[in-house]
């Protein structure tokens, strides 16, 4: 039988970014996968992290920037990208901000994102 998730859980983060998790550990207790809609303001960035999950990102509007060992990748609206578990990365966005969908396998958790302080 289908299971409806009527509204996402809003996850607080610094810097003005809004995370609305539709499926995942915080919203539905699902630990196999998380699906979240992210809205980041212009100039937003977060610390480097080395997640224990793969993350698939689909950019809906704006530009998501990903710093990695080889440089920086700009992911534009209509494009998608995968970052692999164990890879040191840092997300930020361009001057227009960004709206994007993030799918994490296994599900995102604060304990497994491994953000640097």
PDB file of N, CA and C in Angstrom:
ATOM      1  N   UNK A   1       0.841  -1.179   0.000  1.00  0.00           N
ATOM      2  CA  UNK A   1       0.000   0.000   0.000  1.00  0.00           C
ATOM      3  C   UNK A   1       0.886   1.243   0.000  1.00  0.00           C
ATOM      4  N   UNK A   2       0.585   2.247  -0.805  1.00  0.00           N
ATOM      5  CA  UNK A   2       1.376   3.473  -0.828  1.00  0.00           C
ATOM      6  C   UNK A   2       1.378   4.170   0.533  1.00  0.00           C
ATOM      7  N   UNK A   3       2.496   4.795   0.835  1.00  0.00           N
ATOM      8  CA  UNK A   3       2.641   5.525   2.089  1.00  0.00           C
ATOM      9  C   UNK A   3       2.889   6.989   1.762  1.00  0.00           C
ATOM     10  N   UNK A   4       1.964   7.858   2.144  1.00  0.00           N
ATOM     11  CA  UNK A   4       2.049   9.293   1.852  1.00  0.00           C
ATOM     12  C   UNK A   4       2.855  10.000   2.926  1.00  0.00           C
ATOM     13  N   UNK A   5       3.771  10.840   2.494  1.00  0.00           N
ATOM     14  CA  UNK A   5       4.501  11.727   3.397  1.00  0.00           C
ATOM     15  C   UNK A   5       3.998  13.139   3.082  1.00  0.00           C
ATOM     16  N   UNK A   6       3.100  13.637   3.890  1.00  0.00           N
ATOM     17  CA  UNK A   6       2.357  14.859   3.586  1.00  0.00           C
ATOM     18  C   UNK A   6       3.190  16.129   3.628  1.00  0.00           C
ATOM     19  N   UNK A   7       4.219  16.168   4.461  1.00  0.00           N
ATOM     20  CA  UNK A   7       5.033  17.380   4.518  1.00  0.00           C
ATOM     21  C   UNK A   7       6.451  17.025   4.952  1.00  0.00           C
ATOM     22  N   UNK A   8       7.432  17.788   4.481  1.00  0.00           N
ATOM     23  CA  UNK A   8       8.823  17.492   4.816  1.00  0.00           C
ATOM     24  C   UNK A   8       9.176  17.983   6.222  1.00  0.00           C
ATOM     25  N   UNK A   9      10.288  17.476   6.721  1.00  0.00           N
ATOM     26  CA  UNK A   9      10.866  17.995   7.960  1.00  0.00           C
ATOM     27  C   UNK A   9      11.849  19.089   7.574  1.00  0.00           C
ATOM     28  N   UNK A  10      11.758  20.224   8.236  1.00  0.00           N
ATOM     29  CA  UNK A  10      12.702  21.310   7.984  1.00  0.00           C
ATOM     30  C   UNK A  10      13.880  21.124   8.924  1.00  0.00           C
ATOM     31  N   UNK A  11      15.063  21.045   8.348  1.00  0.00           N
ATOM     32  CA  UNK A  11      16.276  20.804   9.117  1.00  0.00           C
ATOM     33  C   UNK A  11      17.054  22.115   9.208  1.00  0.00           C
ATOM     34  N   UNK A  12      17.283  22.623  10.423  1.00  0.00           N
ATOM     35  CA  UNK A  12      17.987  23.899  10.566  1.00  0.00           C
ATOM     36  C   UNK A  12      19.466  23.780  10.220  1.00  0.00           C
ATOM     37  N   UNK A  13      19.949  24.754   9.464  1.00  0.00           N
ATOM     38  CA  UNK A  13      21.373  24.832   9.129  1.00  0.00           C
ATOM     39  C   UNK A  13      21.796  26.292   9.156  1.00  0.00           C
ATOM     40  N   UNK A  14      23.056  26.565   9.453  1.00  0.00           N
ATOM     41  CA  UNK A  14      23.516  27.951   9.459  1.00  0.00           C
ATOM     42  C   UNK A  14      23.647  28.521   8.046  1.00  0.00           C
ATOM     43  N   UNK A  15      23.706  29.816   7.946  1.00  0.00           N
ATOM     44  CA  UNK A  15      23.979  30.476   6.670  1.00  0.00           C
ATOM     45  C   UNK A  15      22.777  30.750   5.802  1.00  0.00           C
ATOM     46  N   UNK A  16      21.570  30.503   6.305  1.00  0.00           N
ATOM     47  CA  UNK A  16      20.380  30.831   5.538  1.00  0.00           C
ATOM     48  C   UNK A  16      19.887  29.767   4.584  1.00  0.00           C
ATOM     49  N   UNK A  17      20.572  28.647   4.491  1.00  0.00           N
ATOM     50  CA  UNK A  17      20.116  27.548   3.634  1.00  0.00           C
ATOM     51  C   UNK A  17      18.921  26.859   4.285  1.00  0.00           C
ATOM     52  N   UNK A  18      17.958  26.455   3.469  1.00  0.00           N
ATOM     53  CA  UNK A  18      16.774  25.742   3.952  1.00  0.00           C
ATOM     54  C   UNK A  18      16.824  24.316   3.421  1.00  0.00           C
ATOM     55  N   UNK A  19      16.696  23.347   4.336  1.00  0.00           N
ATOM     56  CA  UNK A  19      16.627  21.939   3.955  1.00  0.00           C
ATOM     57  C   UNK A  19      15.251  21.428   4.320  1.00  0.00           C
ATOM     58  N   UNK A  20      14.542  20.928   3.326  1.00  0.00           N
ATOM     59  CA  UNK A  20      13.251  20.282   3.551  1.00  0.00           C
ATOM     60  C   UNK A  20      13.402  18.820   3.156  1.00  0.00           C
ATOM     61  N   UNK A  21      13.553  17.966   4.167  1.00  0.00           N
ATOM     62  CA  UNK A  21      13.742  16.539   3.920  1.00  0.00           C
ATOM     63  C   UNK A  21      12.381  15.871   3.782  1.00  0.00           C
ATOM     64  N   UNK A  22      12.128  15.300   2.603  1.00  0.00           N
ATOM     65  CA  UNK A  22      10.863  14.615   2.338  1.00  0.00           C
ATOM     66  C   UNK A  22      10.906  13.159   2.777  1.00  0.00           C
ATOM     67  N   UNK A  23      12.068  12.537   2.600  1.00  0.00           N
ATOM     68  CA  UNK A  23      12.271  11.143   2.986  1.00  0.00           C
ATOM     69  C   UNK A  23      13.667  11.050   3.591  1.00  0.00           C
ATOM     70  N   UNK A  24      13.773  10.403   4.742  1.00  0.00           N
ATOM     71  CA  UNK A  24      15.087  10.243   5.357  1.00  0.00           C
ATOM     72  C   UNK A  24      14.999  10.035   6.850  1.00  0.00           C
ATOM     73  N   UNK A  25      16.153   9.998   7.470  1.00  0.00           N
ATOM     74  CA  UNK A  25      16.233   9.700   8.898  1.00  0.00           C
ATOM     75  C   UNK A  25      15.497  10.731   9.746  1.00  0.00           C
ATOM     76  N   UNK A  26      15.604  12.010   9.406  1.00  0.00           N
ATOM     77  CA  UNK A  26      14.975  13.065  10.217  1.00  0.00           C
ATOM     78  C   UNK A  26      13.467  13.152  10.000  1.00  0.00           C
ATOM     79  N   UNK A  27      13.002  12.847   8.793  1.00  0.00           N
ATOM     80  CA  UNK A  27      11.589  13.065   8.467  1.00  0.00           C
ATOM     81  C   UNK A  27      10.717  11.820   8.589  1.00  0.00           C
ATOM     82  N   UNK A  28      11.226  10.676   8.149  1.00  0.00           N
ATOM     83  CA  UNK A  28      10.399   9.461   8.086  1.00  0.00           C
ATOM     84  C   UNK A  28      11.056   8.255   8.758  1.00  0.00           C
ATOM     85  N   UNK A  29      12.202   8.461   9.370  1.00  0.00           N
ATOM     86  CA  UNK A  29      13.000   7.395   9.996  1.00  0.00           C
ATOM     87  C   UNK A  29      13.564   6.411   8.979  1.00  0.00           C
ATOM     88  N   UNK A  30      13.578   6.791   7.718  1.00  0.00           N
ATOM     89  CA  UNK A  30      14.149   5.951   6.653  1.00  0.00           C
ATOM     90  C   UNK A  30      15.663   6.149   6.650  1.00  0.00           C
ATOM     91  N   UNK A  31      16.421   5.060   6.799  1.00  0.00           N
ATOM     92  CA  UNK A  31      17.876   5.179   6.828  1.00  0.00           C
ATOM     93  C   UNK A  31      18.555   4.694   5.548  1.00  0.00           C
ATOM     94  N   UNK A  32      17.781   4.100   4.634  1.00  0.00           N
ATOM     95  CA  UNK A  32      18.379   3.605   3.387  1.00  0.00           C
ATOM     96  C   UNK A  32      18.649   4.717   2.386  1.00  0.00           C
ATOM     97  N   UNK A  33      17.821   5.763   2.410  1.00  0.00           N
ATOM     98  CA  UNK A  33      17.937   6.850   1.446  1.00  0.00           C
ATOM     99  C   UNK A  33      17.340   8.114   2.053  1.00  0.00           C
ATOM    100  N   UNK A  34      17.852   9.259   1.623  1.00  0.00           N
ATOM    101  CA  UNK A  34      17.196  10.518   1.976  1.00  0.00           C
ATOM    102  C   UNK A  34      16.992  11.325   0.703  1.00  0.00           C
ATOM    103  N   UNK A  35      15.866  12.044   0.669  1.00  0.00           N
ATOM    104  CA  UNK A  35      15.522  12.897  -0.456  1.00  0.00           C
ATOM    105  C   UNK A  35      15.128  14.243   0.132  1.00  0.00           C
ATOM    106  N   UNK A  36      15.852  15.291  -0.270  1.00  0.00           N
ATOM    107  CA  UNK A  36      15.601  16.608   0.306  1.00  0.00           C
ATOM    108  C   UNK A  36      15.636  17.686  -0.770  1.00  0.00           C
ATOM    109  N   UNK A  37      14.829  18.729  -0.553  1.00  0.00           N
ATOM    110  CA  UNK A  37      14.853  19.917  -1.393  1.00  0.00           C
ATOM    111  C   UNK A  37      15.653  20.974  -0.641  1.00  0.00           C
ATOM    112  N   UNK A  38      16.684  21.477  -1.281  1.00  0.00           N
ATOM    113  CA  UNK A  38      17.560  22.480  -0.678  1.00  0.00           C
ATOM    114  C   UNK A  38      17.344  23.819  -1.368  1.00  0.00           C
ATOM    115  N   UNK A  39      17.315  24.884  -0.579  1.00  0.00           N
ATOM    116  CA  UNK A  39      17.266  26.236  -1.119  1.00  0.00           C
ATOM    117  C   UNK A  39      18.376  27.022  -0.435  1.00  0.00           C
ATOM    118  N   UNK A  40      19.354  27.463  -1.226  1.00  0.00           N
ATOM    119  CA  UNK A  40      20.518  28.166  -0.688  1.00  0.00           C
ATOM    120  C   UNK A  40      20.546  29.604  -1.212  1.00  0.00           C
ATOM    121  N   UNK A  41      20.777  30.574  -0.327  1.00  0.00           N
ATOM    122  CA  UNK A  41      20.835  31.967  -0.761  1.00  0.00           C
ATOM    123  C   UNK A  41      22.132  32.274  -1.501  1.00  0.00           C
ATOM    124  N   UNK A  42      22.154  33.389  -2.199  1.00  0.00           N
ATOM    125  CA  UNK A  42      23.349  33.828  -2.928  1.00  0.00           C
ATOM    126  C   UNK A  42      24.558  33.843  -2.000  1.00  0.00           C
ATOM    127  N   UNK A  43      25.669  33.301  -2.483  1.00  0.00           N
ATOM    128  CA  UNK A  43      26.909  33.318  -1.730  1.00  0.00           C
ATOM    129  C   UNK A  43      27.008  32.311  -0.601  1.00  0.00           C
ATOM    130  N   UNK A  44      26.018  31.439  -0.436  1.00  0.00           N
ATOM    131  CA  UNK A  44      26.040  30.456   0.644  1.00  0.00           C
ATOM    132  C   UNK A  44      27.180  29.461   0.447  1.00  0.00           C
ATOM    133  N   UNK A  45      27.778  29.020   1.553  1.00  0.00           N
ATOM    134  CA  UNK A  45      28.753  27.938   1.510  1.00  0.00           C
ATOM    135  C   UNK A  45      28.723  27.212   2.846  1.00  0.00           C
ATOM    136  N   UNK A  46      29.249  26.007   2.860  1.00  0.00           N
ATOM    137  CA  UNK A  46      29.351  25.236   4.094  1.00  0.00           C
ATOM    138  C   UNK A  46      30.767  24.720   4.223  1.00  0.00           C
ATOM    139  N   UNK A  47      31.144  24.224   5.398  1.00  0.00           N
ATOM    140  CA  UNK A  47      32.503  23.702   5.572  1.00  0.00           C
ATOM    141  C   UNK A  47      32.741  22.459   4.718  1.00  0.00           C
ATOM    142  N   UNK A  48      34.023  22.147   4.523  1.00  0.00           N
ATOM    143  CA  UNK A  48      34.357  20.887   3.863  1.00  0.00           C
ATOM    144  C   UNK A  48      33.797  19.736   4.673  1.00  0.00           C
ATOM    145  N   UNK A  49      33.506  18.651   3.988  1.00  0.00           N
ATOM    146  CA  UNK A  49      32.968  17.449   4.618  1.00  0.00           C
ATOM    147  C   UNK A  49      33.497  16.227   3.883  1.00  0.00           C
ATOM    148  N   UNK A  50      33.482  15.097   4.565  1.00  0.00           N
ATOM    149  CA  UNK A  50      33.843  13.817   3.960  1.00  0.00           C
ATOM    150  C   UNK A  50      32.732  12.837   4.320  1.00  0.00           C
ATOM    151  N   UNK A  51      31.616  12.876   3.574  1.00  0.00           N
ATOM    152  CA  UNK A  51      30.442  12.065   3.914  1.00  0.00           C
ATOM    153  C   UNK A  51      30.675  10.560   3.775  1.00  0.00           C
ATOM    154  N   UNK A  52      29.895   9.811   4.541  1.00  0.00           N
ATOM    155  CA  UNK A  52      29.917   8.352   4.465  1.00  0.00           C
ATOM    156  C   UNK A  52      28.787   7.842   3.574  1.00  0.00           C
ATOM    157  N   UNK A  53      28.298   8.697   2.676  1.00  0.00           N
ATOM    158  CA  UNK A  53      27.212   8.337   1.769  1.00  0.00           C
ATOM    159  C   UNK A  53      27.481   8.946   0.403  1.00  0.00           C
ATOM    160  N   UNK A  54      26.943   8.310  -0.642  1.00  0.00           N
ATOM    161  CA  UNK A  54      26.944   8.911  -1.973  1.00  0.00           C
ATOM    162  C   UNK A  54      25.844   9.954  -2.005  1.00  0.00           C
ATOM    163  N   UNK A  55      26.073  11.037  -2.730  1.00  0.00           N
ATOM    164  CA  UNK A  55      25.035  12.063  -2.860  1.00  0.00           C
ATOM    165  C   UNK A  55      24.831  12.397  -4.330  1.00  0.00           C
ATOM    166  N   UNK A  56      23.569  12.333  -4.747  1.00  0.00           N
ATOM    167  CA  UNK A  56      23.165  12.674  -6.108  1.00  0.00           C
ATOM    168  C   UNK A  56      22.414  14.003  -6.026  1.00  0.00           C
ATOM    169  N   UNK A  57      22.845  14.984  -6.797  1.00  0.00           N
ATOM    170  CA  UNK A  57      22.269  16.323  -6.734  1.00  0.00           C
ATOM    171  C   UNK A  57      21.726  16.711  -8.094  1.00  0.00           C
ATOM    172  N   UNK A  58      20.472  17.161  -8.130  1.00  0.00           N
ATOM    173  CA  UNK A  58      19.841  17.671  -9.347  1.00  0.00           C
ATOM    174  C   UNK A  58      19.562  19.148  -9.114  1.00  0.00           C
ATOM    175  N   UNK A  59      20.195  20.014  -9.904  1.00  0.00           N
ATOM    176  CA  UNK A  59      20.044  21.458  -9.720  1.00  0.00           C
ATOM    177  C   UNK A  59      18.818  21.940 -10.494  1.00  0.00           C
ATOM    178  N   UNK A  60      17.892  22.555  -9.766  1.00  0.00           N
ATOM    179  CA  UNK A  60      16.648  23.061 -10.355  1.00  0.00           C
ATOM    180  C   UNK A  60      16.796  24.495 -10.841  1.00  0.00           C
ATOM    181  N   UNK A  61      17.519  25.318 -10.078  1.00  0.00           N
ATOM    182  CA  UNK A  61      17.787  26.696 -10.487  1.00  0.00           C
ATOM    183  C   UNK A  61      19.079  27.161  -9.846  1.00  0.00           C
ATOM    184  N   UNK A  62      19.721  28.139 -10.482  1.00  0.00           N
ATOM    185  CA  UNK A  62      20.988  28.656  -9.970  1.00  0.00           C
ATOM    186  C   UNK A  62      22.146  27.729 -10.278  1.00  0.00           C
ATOM    187  N   UNK A  63      23.193  27.855  -9.477  1.00  0.00           N
ATOM    188  CA  UNK A  63      24.416  27.075  -9.668  1.00  0.00           C
ATOM    189  C   UNK A  63      24.892  26.542  -8.328  1.00  0.00           C
ATOM    190  N   UNK A  64      25.162  25.248  -8.270  1.00  0.00           N
ATOM    191  CA  UNK A  64      25.790  24.626  -7.103  1.00  0.00           C
ATOM    192  C   UNK A  64      27.266  24.434  -7.446  1.00  0.00           C
ATOM    193  N   UNK A  65      28.129  24.885  -6.555  1.00  0.00           N
ATOM    194  CA  UNK A  65      29.573  24.750  -6.735  1.00  0.00           C
ATOM    195  C   UNK A  65      30.076  23.676  -5.784  1.00  0.00           C
ATOM    196  N   UNK A  66      30.936  22.797  -6.300  1.00  0.00           N
ATOM    197  CA  UNK A  66      31.485  21.728  -5.475  1.00  0.00           C
ATOM    198  C   UNK A  66      33.002  21.789  -5.556  1.00  0.00           C
ATOM    199  N   UNK A  67      33.635  22.138  -4.422  1.00  0.00           N
ATOM    200  CA  UNK A  67      35.090  22.103  -4.323  1.00  0.00           C
ATOM    201  C   UNK A  67      35.498  20.678  -3.988  1.00  0.00           C
ATOM    202  N   UNK A  68      36.534  20.186  -4.664  1.00  0.00           N
ATOM    203  CA  UNK A  68      37.013  18.820  -4.467  1.00  0.00           C
ATOM    204  C   UNK A  68      38.511  18.806  -4.707  1.00  0.00           C
ATOM    205  N   UNK A  69      39.138  17.665  -4.544  1.00  0.00           N
ATOM    206  CA  UNK A  69      40.595  17.563  -4.659  1.00  0.00           C
ATOM    207  C   UNK A  69      41.121  18.040  -6.011  1.00  0.00           C
ATOM    208  N   UNK A  70      40.321  17.921  -7.065  1.00  0.00           N
ATOM    209  CA  UNK A  70      40.758  18.312  -8.397  1.00  0.00           C
ATOM    210  C   UNK A  70      40.408  19.736  -8.789  1.00  0.00           C
ATOM    211  N   UNK A  71      39.774  20.500  -7.903  1.00  0.00           N
ATOM    212  CA  UNK A  71      39.396  21.877  -8.228  1.00  0.00           C
ATOM    213  C   UNK A  71      37.972  22.180  -7.818  1.00  0.00           C
ATOM    214  N   UNK A  72      37.254  22.854  -8.717  1.00  0.00           N
ATOM    215  CA  UNK A  72      35.864  23.219  -8.436  1.00  0.00           C
ATOM    216  C   UNK A  72      34.999  22.867  -9.648  1.00  0.00           C
ATOM    217  N   UNK A  73      33.827  22.286  -9.373  1.00  0.00           N
ATOM    218  CA  UNK A  73      32.872  21.922 -10.406  1.00  0.00           C
ATOM    219  C   UNK A  73      31.641  22.802 -10.248  1.00  0.00           C
ATOM    220  N   UNK A  74      31.205  23.437 -11.330  1.00  0.00           N
ATOM    221  CA  UNK A  74      29.971  24.232 -11.335  1.00  0.00           C
ATOM    222  C   UNK A  74      28.870  23.394 -11.963  1.00  0.00           C
ATOM    223  N   UNK A  75      27.791  23.199 -11.214  1.00  0.00           N
ATOM    224  CA  UNK A  75      26.656  22.409 -11.689  1.00  0.00           C
ATOM    225  C   UNK A  75      25.490  23.367 -11.878  1.00  0.00           C
ATOM    226  N   UNK A  76      25.062  23.533 -13.114  1.00  0.00           N
ATOM    227  CA  UNK A  76      24.041  24.516 -13.484  1.00  0.00           C
ATOM    228  C   UNK A  76      22.644  23.906 -13.451  1.00  0.00           C
ATOM    229  N   UNK A  77      21.640  24.776 -13.467  1.00  0.00           N
ATOM    230  CA  UNK A  77      20.245  24.340 -13.527  1.00  0.00           C
ATOM    231  C   UNK A  77      20.060  23.368 -14.693  1.00  0.00           C
ATOM    232  N   UNK A  78      19.388  22.255 -14.427  1.00  0.00           N
ATOM    233  CA  UNK A  78      19.160  21.227 -15.442  1.00  0.00           C
ATOM    234  C   UNK A  78      20.235  20.157 -15.472  1.00  0.00           C
ATOM    235  N   UNK A  79      21.295  20.325 -14.692  1.00  0.00           N
ATOM    236  CA  UNK A  79      22.359  19.334 -14.636  1.00  0.00           C
ATOM    237  C   UNK A  79      22.295  18.576 -13.311  1.00  0.00           C
ATOM    238  N   UNK A  80      23.003  17.465 -13.272  1.00  0.00           N
ATOM    239  CA  UNK A  80      23.072  16.640 -12.062  1.00  0.00           C
ATOM    240  C   UNK A  80      24.517  16.212 -11.835  1.00  0.00           C
ATOM    241  N   UNK A  81      24.809  15.828 -10.592  1.00  0.00           N
ATOM    242  CA  UNK A  81      26.159  15.402 -10.240  1.00  0.00           C
ATOM    243  C   UNK A  81      26.078  14.359  -9.136  1.00  0.00           C
ATOM    244  N   UNK A  82      27.063  13.468  -9.103  1.00  0.00           N
ATOM    245  CA  UNK A  82      27.200  12.499  -8.012  1.00  0.00           C
ATOM    246  C   UNK A  82      28.520  12.768  -7.312  1.00  0.00           C
ATOM    247  N   UNK A  83      28.476  12.813  -5.973  1.00  0.00           N
ATOM    248  CA  UNK A  83      29.698  12.812  -5.181  1.00  0.00           C
ATOM    249  C   UNK A  83      29.725  11.489  -4.422  1.00  0.00           C
ATOM    250  N   UNK A  84      30.915  10.912  -4.305  1.00  0.00           N
ATOM    251  CA  UNK A  84      31.054   9.577  -3.732  1.00  0.00           C
ATOM    252  C   UNK A  84      31.392   9.627  -2.249  1.00  0.00           C
ATOM    253  N   UNK A  85      30.902   8.640  -1.529  1.00  0.00           N
ATOM    254  CA  UNK A  85      31.243   8.481  -0.121  1.00  0.00           C
ATOM    255  C   UNK A  85      32.760   8.468   0.033  1.00  0.00           C
ATOM    256  N   UNK A  86      33.245   9.144   1.071  1.00  0.00           N
ATOM    257  CA  UNK A  86      34.676   9.171   1.333  1.00  0.00           C
ATOM    258  C   UNK A  86      35.429  10.266   0.630  1.00  0.00           C
ATOM    259  N   UNK A  87      34.777  11.012  -0.256  1.00  0.00           N
ATOM    260  CA  UNK A  87      35.420  12.096  -0.982  1.00  0.00           C
ATOM    261  C   UNK A  87      35.276  13.396  -0.193  1.00  0.00           C
ATOM    262  N   UNK A  88      36.369  14.123   0.002  1.00  0.00           N
ATOM    263  CA  UNK A  88      36.339  15.412   0.702  1.00  0.00           C
ATOM    264  C   UNK A  88      35.823  16.472  -0.268  1.00  0.00           C
ATOM    265  N   UNK A  89      34.701  17.103   0.097  1.00  0.00           N
ATOM    266  CA  UNK A  89      34.050  18.077  -0.774  1.00  0.00           C
ATOM    267  C   UNK A  89      33.528  19.255   0.051  1.00  0.00           C
ATOM    268  N   UNK A  90      33.222  20.332  -0.659  1.00  0.00           N
ATOM    269  CA  UNK A  90      32.569  21.475  -0.030  1.00  0.00           C
ATOM    270  C   UNK A  90      31.558  22.041  -1.010  1.00  0.00           C
ATOM    271  N   UNK A  91      30.313  22.208  -0.549  1.00  0.00           N
ATOM    272  CA  UNK A  91      29.252  22.769  -1.363  1.00  0.00           C
ATOM    273  C   UNK A  91      29.132  24.267  -1.106  1.00  0.00           C
ATOM    274  N   UNK A  92      28.847  25.012  -2.176  1.00  0.00           N
ATOM    275  CA  UNK A  92      28.500  26.426  -2.088  1.00  0.00           C
ATOM    276  C   UNK A  92      27.616  26.725  -3.291  1.00  0.00           C
ATOM    277  N   UNK A  93      27.231  27.977  -3.451  1.00  0.00           N
ATOM    278  CA  UNK A  93      26.411  28.307  -4.618  1.00  0.00           C
ATOM    279  C   UNK A  93      26.850  29.630  -5.209  1.00  0.00           C
ATOM    280  N   UNK A  94      26.375  29.877  -6.408  1.00  0.00           N
ATOM    281  CA  UNK A  94      26.743  31.066  -7.150  1.00  0.00           C
ATOM    282  C   UNK A  94      26.010  32.313  -6.672  1.00  0.00           C
ATOM    283  N   UNK A  95      26.166  33.405  -7.418  1.00  0.00           N
ATOM    284  CA  UNK A  95      25.625  34.697  -7.012  1.00  0.00           C
ATOM    285  C   UNK A  95      24.102  34.779  -7.030  1.00  0.00           C
ATOM    286  N   UNK A  96      23.436  33.823  -7.673  1.00  0.00           N
ATOM    287  CA  UNK A  96      21.970  33.820  -7.714  1.00  0.00           C
ATOM    288  C   UNK A  96      21.360  32.826  -6.735  1.00  0.00           C
ATOM    289  N   UNK A  97      22.189  32.188  -5.903  1.00  0.00           N
ATOM    290  CA  UNK A  97      21.682  31.147  -5.023  1.00  0.00           C
ATOM    291  C   UNK A  97      21.405  29.887  -5.818  1.00  0.00           C
ATOM    292  N   UNK A  98      20.728  28.933  -5.186  1.00  0.00           N
ATOM    293  CA  UNK A  98      20.439  27.674  -5.880  1.00  0.00           C
ATOM    294  C   UNK A  98      19.284  26.954  -5.201  1.00  0.00           C
ATOM    295  N   UNK A  99      18.547  26.225  -6.012  1.00  0.00           N
ATOM    296  CA  UNK A  99      17.512  25.311  -5.540  1.00  0.00           C
ATOM    297  C   UNK A  99      17.858  23.964  -6.141  1.00  0.00           C
ATOM    298  N   UNK A 100      17.889  22.927  -5.290  1.00  0.00           N
ATOM    299  CA  UNK A 100      18.288  21.624  -5.797  1.00  0.00           C
ATOM    300  C   UNK A 100      17.720  20.497  -4.951  1.00  0.00           C
ATOM    301  N   UNK A 101      17.683  19.330  -5.553  1.00  0.00           N
ATOM    302  CA  UNK A 101      17.245  18.105  -4.887  1.00  0.00           C
ATOM    303  C   UNK A 101      18.488  17.275  -4.594  1.00  0.00           C
ATOM    304  N   UNK A 102      18.595  16.798  -3.358  1.00  0.00           N
ATOM    305  CA  UNK A 102      19.711  15.940  -2.967  1.00  0.00           C
ATOM    306  C   UNK A 102      19.165  14.577  -2.547  1.00  0.00           C
ATOM    307  N   UNK A 103      19.753  13.532  -3.103  1.00  0.00           N
ATOM    308  CA  UNK A 103      19.405  12.159  -2.754  1.00  0.00           C
ATOM    309  C   UNK A 103      20.672  11.510  -2.205  1.00  0.00           C
ATOM    310  N   UNK A 104      20.610  11.030  -0.961  1.00  0.00           N
ATOM    311  CA  UNK A 104      21.775  10.428  -0.317  1.00  0.00           C
ATOM    312  C   UNK A 104      21.530   8.951  -0.052  1.00  0.00           C
ATOM    313  N   UNK A 105      22.560   8.138  -0.371  1.00  0.00           N
ATOM    314  CA  UNK A 105      22.514   6.691  -0.153  1.00  0.00           C
ATOM    315  C   UNK A 105      23.733   6.265   0.641  1.00  0.00           C
ATOM    316  N   UNK A 106      23.632   5.736   1.836  1.00  0.00           N
ATOM    317  CA  UNK A 106      22.436   5.687   2.661  1.00  0.00           C
ATOM    318  C   UNK A 106      22.018   7.092   3.073  1.00  0.00           C
ATOM    319  N   UNK A 107      20.974   7.199   3.856  1.00  0.00           N
ATOM    320  CA  UNK A 107      20.406   8.493   4.217  1.00  0.00           C
ATOM    321  C   UNK A 107      21.417   9.399   4.913  1.00  0.00           C
ATOM    322  N   UNK A 108      21.283  10.692   4.656  1.00  0.00           N
ATOM    323  CA  UNK A 108      22.064  11.717   5.344  1.00  0.00           C
ATOM    324  C   UNK A 108      21.823  11.633   6.844  1.00  0.00           C
ATOM    325  N   UNK A 109      22.860  11.871   7.608  1.00  0.00           N
ATOM    326  CA  UNK A 109      22.717  12.091   9.049  1.00  0.00           C
ATOM    327  C   UNK A 109      23.852  12.996   9.496  1.00  0.00           C
ATOM    328  N   UNK A 110      23.628  13.782  10.533  1.00  0.00           N
ATOM    329  CA  UNK A 110      24.695  14.655  11.038  1.00  0.00           C
ATOM    330  C   UNK A 110      25.937  13.861  11.472  1.00  0.00           C
ATOM    331  N   UNK A 111      25.722  12.625  11.896  1.00  0.00           N
ATOM    332  CA  UNK A 111      26.841  11.792  12.355  1.00  0.00           C
ATOM    333  C   UNK A 111      27.685  11.240  11.210  1.00  0.00           C
ATOM    334  N   UNK A 112      27.134  11.158  10.004  1.00  0.00           N
ATOM    335  CA  UNK A 112      27.876  10.554   8.891  1.00  0.00           C
ATOM    336  C   UNK A 112      28.300  11.544   7.812  1.00  0.00           C
ATOM    337  N   UNK A 113      27.999  12.832   7.996  1.00  0.00           N
ATOM    338  CA  UNK A 113      28.422  13.825   7.009  1.00  0.00           C
ATOM    339  C   UNK A 113      29.873  14.243   7.235  1.00  0.00           C
ATOM    340  N   UNK A 114      30.325  14.159   8.487  1.00  0.00           N
ATOM    341  CA  UNK A 114      31.719  14.451   8.830  1.00  0.00           C
ATOM    342  C   UNK A 114      32.166  15.832   8.373  1.00  0.00           C
ATOM    343  N   UNK A 115      31.417  16.862   8.789  1.00  0.00           N
ATOM    344  CA  UNK A 115      31.796  18.245   8.468  1.00  0.00           C
ATOM    345  C   UNK A 115      33.015  18.645   9.283  1.00  0.00           C
ATOM    346  N   UNK A 116      33.884  19.409   8.643  1.00  0.00           N
ATOM    347  CA  UNK A 116      35.064  19.943   9.328  1.00  0.00           C
ATOM    348  C   UNK A 116      34.656  21.185  10.110  1.00  0.00           C
ATOM    349  N   UNK A 117      35.287  21.394  11.221  1.00  0.00           N
ATOM    350  CA  UNK A 117      34.980  22.566  12.054  1.00  0.00           C
ATOM    351  C   UNK A 117      35.783  23.769  11.661  1.00  0.00           C
TER     352      UNK A 117
END
